[in-house]
Amino acid sequence: MIHGDDRGLQAARARAYALADTGRFDNSHAVHNALVAEGWPNAGRALDSDYARKAIAERCRAARAH
């Protein structure tokens, strides 16, 4: 069931990137909270890596700059 878990994490990350791109969030913590509020059970694991958090933070900054 590792593949299903991977797909779930990929889906949560994709949703996190989409949320970050909206410009409504200041940082990865705010995006994480939004994922939790939407009911993503794997939000913490999806954003567990430094790479994912930094990528989301960069997207938040870029979206808010426009």
N, C-alpha and C. Protein backbone atom coordinates (compact mmCIF):
# COMPACT_ATOMS: atom_id res chain seq x y z
N MET A 1 0.82 -1.20 0.00
CA MET A 1 0.00 0.00 0.00
C MET A 1 0.86 1.26 0.00
N ILE A 2 2.13 1.13 -0.24
CA ILE A 2 3.03 2.28 -0.28
C ILE A 2 2.65 3.21 -1.42
N HIS A 3 2.24 2.66 -2.55
CA HIS A 3 1.90 3.51 -3.70
C HIS A 3 0.69 4.38 -3.40
N GLY A 4 -0.29 3.84 -2.72
CA GLY A 4 -1.47 4.62 -2.36
C GLY A 4 -1.10 5.75 -1.41
N ASP A 5 -0.21 5.45 -0.48
CA ASP A 5 0.26 6.46 0.46
C ASP A 5 1.00 7.56 -0.28
N ASP A 6 1.85 7.17 -1.24
CA ASP A 6 2.58 8.16 -2.03
C ASP A 6 1.63 9.05 -2.81
N ARG A 7 0.61 8.45 -3.39
CA ARG A 7 -0.36 9.24 -4.15
C ARG A 7 -1.11 10.21 -3.24
N GLY A 8 -1.42 9.76 -2.03
CA GLY A 8 -2.10 10.63 -1.08
C GLY A 8 -1.23 11.81 -0.69
N LEU A 9 0.05 11.55 -0.47
CA LEU A 9 0.97 12.64 -0.12
C LEU A 9 1.16 13.59 -1.29
N GLN A 10 1.25 13.04 -2.49
CA GLN A 10 1.39 13.87 -3.69
C GLN A 10 0.15 14.75 -3.88
N ALA A 11 -1.01 14.19 -3.63
CA ALA A 11 -2.25 14.96 -3.77
C ALA A 11 -2.30 16.08 -2.73
N ALA A 12 -1.89 15.79 -1.52
CA ALA A 12 -1.88 16.81 -0.47
C ALA A 12 -0.89 17.92 -0.81
N ARG A 13 0.28 17.54 -1.32
CA ARG A 13 1.27 18.56 -1.72
C ARG A 13 0.74 19.39 -2.88
N ALA A 14 0.10 18.75 -3.84
CA ALA A 14 -0.46 19.49 -4.97
C ALA A 14 -1.51 20.49 -4.49
N ARG A 15 -2.33 20.09 -3.54
CA ARG A 15 -3.33 21.00 -2.99
C ARG A 15 -2.65 22.13 -2.22
N ALA A 16 -1.57 21.81 -1.49
CA ALA A 16 -0.84 22.85 -0.76
C ALA A 16 -0.25 23.87 -1.74
N TYR A 17 0.31 23.40 -2.85
CA TYR A 17 0.85 24.33 -3.85
C TYR A 17 -0.26 25.19 -4.44
N ALA A 18 -1.40 24.59 -4.70
CA ALA A 18 -2.53 25.35 -5.25
C ALA A 18 -3.00 26.41 -4.25
N LEU A 19 -3.06 26.06 -2.98
CA LEU A 19 -3.45 27.04 -1.97
C LEU A 19 -2.42 28.16 -1.87
N ALA A 20 -1.15 27.81 -1.91
CA ALA A 20 -0.09 28.82 -1.83
C ALA A 20 -0.17 29.78 -3.01
N ASP A 21 -0.51 29.26 -4.18
CA ASP A 21 -0.59 30.08 -5.38
C ASP A 21 -1.76 31.06 -5.38
N THR A 22 -2.70 30.90 -4.46
CA THR A 22 -3.84 31.81 -4.41
C THR A 22 -3.46 33.19 -3.89
N GLY A 23 -2.38 33.28 -3.13
CA GLY A 23 -1.97 34.55 -2.55
C GLY A 23 -2.68 34.88 -1.25
N ARG A 24 -3.49 33.97 -0.75
CA ARG A 24 -4.23 34.22 0.49
C ARG A 24 -3.45 33.83 1.75
N PHE A 25 -2.28 33.21 1.58
CA PHE A 25 -1.53 32.69 2.72
C PHE A 25 -0.14 33.30 2.77
N ASP A 26 0.33 33.57 4.00
CA ASP A 26 1.63 34.21 4.20
C ASP A 26 2.79 33.23 4.21
N ASN A 27 2.54 32.00 4.65
CA ASN A 27 3.65 31.05 4.81
C ASN A 27 3.15 29.61 4.77
N SER A 28 4.10 28.68 4.89
CA SER A 28 3.74 27.26 4.81
C SER A 28 2.91 26.82 6.00
N HIS A 29 3.09 27.45 7.14
CA HIS A 29 2.28 27.10 8.32
C HIS A 29 0.80 27.42 8.08
N ALA A 30 0.55 28.55 7.47
CA ALA A 30 -0.84 28.92 7.17
C ALA A 30 -1.44 27.96 6.14
N VAL A 31 -0.64 27.54 5.16
CA VAL A 31 -1.13 26.57 4.18
C VAL A 31 -1.41 25.23 4.86
N HIS A 32 -0.53 24.83 5.77
CA HIS A 32 -0.74 23.59 6.52
C HIS A 32 -2.06 23.64 7.29
N ASN A 33 -2.30 24.76 7.95
CA ASN A 33 -3.55 24.91 8.70
C ASN A 33 -4.76 24.84 7.78
N ALA A 34 -4.65 25.39 6.58
CA ALA A 34 -5.74 25.33 5.62
C ALA A 34 -5.99 23.89 5.17
N LEU A 35 -4.91 23.13 4.96
CA LEU A 35 -5.06 21.72 4.58
C LEU A 35 -5.78 20.94 5.68
N VAL A 36 -5.39 21.18 6.91
CA VAL A 36 -6.03 20.51 8.04
C VAL A 36 -7.51 20.88 8.10
N ALA A 37 -7.78 22.16 7.91
CA ALA A 37 -9.18 22.62 7.94
C ALA A 37 -10.00 21.99 6.82
N GLU A 38 -9.36 21.71 5.68
CA GLU A 38 -10.06 21.06 4.58
C GLU A 38 -10.23 19.56 4.82
N GLY A 39 -9.57 19.03 5.84
CA GLY A 39 -9.74 17.62 6.17
C GLY A 39 -8.68 16.69 5.59
N TRP A 40 -7.54 17.21 5.19
CA TRP A 40 -6.47 16.35 4.69
C TRP A 40 -5.80 15.66 5.88
N PRO A 41 -5.96 14.35 6.02
CA PRO A 41 -5.41 13.66 7.19
C PRO A 41 -3.88 13.55 7.16
N ASN A 42 -3.29 13.70 5.98
CA ASN A 42 -1.85 13.53 5.85
C ASN A 42 -1.14 14.87 5.61
N ALA A 43 -1.75 15.96 6.01
CA ALA A 43 -1.18 17.29 5.78
C ALA A 43 0.19 17.42 6.43
N GLY A 44 0.33 16.94 7.64
CA GLY A 44 1.61 17.04 8.34
C GLY A 44 2.71 16.28 7.63
N ARG A 45 2.41 15.07 7.22
CA ARG A 45 3.41 14.26 6.52
C ARG A 45 3.73 14.83 5.15
N ALA A 46 2.74 15.40 4.49
CA ALA A 46 2.96 15.94 3.14
C ALA A 46 3.91 17.13 3.18
N LEU A 47 3.88 17.88 4.26
CA LEU A 47 4.72 19.07 4.39
C LEU A 47 5.87 18.85 5.36
N ASP A 48 6.24 17.60 5.56
CA ASP A 48 7.25 17.25 6.55
C ASP A 48 8.66 17.64 6.12
N SER A 49 8.92 17.70 4.83
CA SER A 49 10.28 17.96 4.37
C SER A 49 10.57 19.46 4.27
N ASP A 50 11.82 19.80 4.47
CA ASP A 50 12.24 21.20 4.31
C ASP A 50 11.97 21.68 2.90
N TYR A 51 12.20 20.80 1.92
CA TYR A 51 12.00 21.17 0.52
C TYR A 51 10.55 21.60 0.27
N ALA A 52 9.61 20.81 0.75
CA ALA A 52 8.20 21.12 0.53
C ALA A 52 7.81 22.43 1.21
N ARG A 53 8.26 22.60 2.46
CA ARG A 53 7.93 23.84 3.18
C ARG A 53 8.52 25.07 2.50
N LYS A 54 9.76 24.95 2.04
CA LYS A 54 10.41 26.09 1.36
C LYS A 54 9.72 26.39 0.04
N ALA A 55 9.37 25.35 -0.71
CA ALA A 55 8.68 25.55 -1.99
C ALA A 55 7.34 26.24 -1.79
N ILE A 56 6.63 25.84 -0.76
CA ILE A 56 5.32 26.45 -0.48
C ILE A 56 5.51 27.90 -0.03
N ALA A 57 6.51 28.14 0.82
CA ALA A 57 6.77 29.51 1.28
C ALA A 57 7.12 30.41 0.10
N GLU A 58 7.92 29.90 -0.83
CA GLU A 58 8.29 30.68 -2.02
C GLU A 58 7.06 30.98 -2.88
N ARG A 59 6.19 30.00 -3.03
CA ARG A 59 4.96 30.21 -3.80
C ARG A 59 4.06 31.24 -3.12
N CYS A 60 4.00 31.19 -1.79
CA CYS A 60 3.20 32.17 -1.06
C CYS A 60 3.74 33.58 -1.31
N ARG A 61 5.05 33.73 -1.20
CA ARG A 61 5.66 35.05 -1.42
C ARG A 61 5.44 35.53 -2.85
N ALA A 62 5.62 34.64 -3.81
CA ALA A 62 5.45 35.03 -5.21
C ALA A 62 4.00 35.42 -5.52
N ALA A 63 3.08 34.68 -4.97
CA ALA A 63 1.66 34.97 -5.23
C ALA A 63 1.23 36.28 -4.58
N ARG A 64 1.77 36.56 -3.41
CA ARG A 64 1.40 37.79 -2.72
C ARG A 64 2.06 39.01 -3.36
N ALA A 65 3.13 38.81 -4.10
CA ALA A 65 3.83 39.92 -4.76
C ALA A 65 3.04 40.45 -5.95
N HIS A 66 2.11 39.66 -6.45
CA HIS A 66 1.36 40.08 -7.65
C HIS A 66 0.08 40.74 -7.31
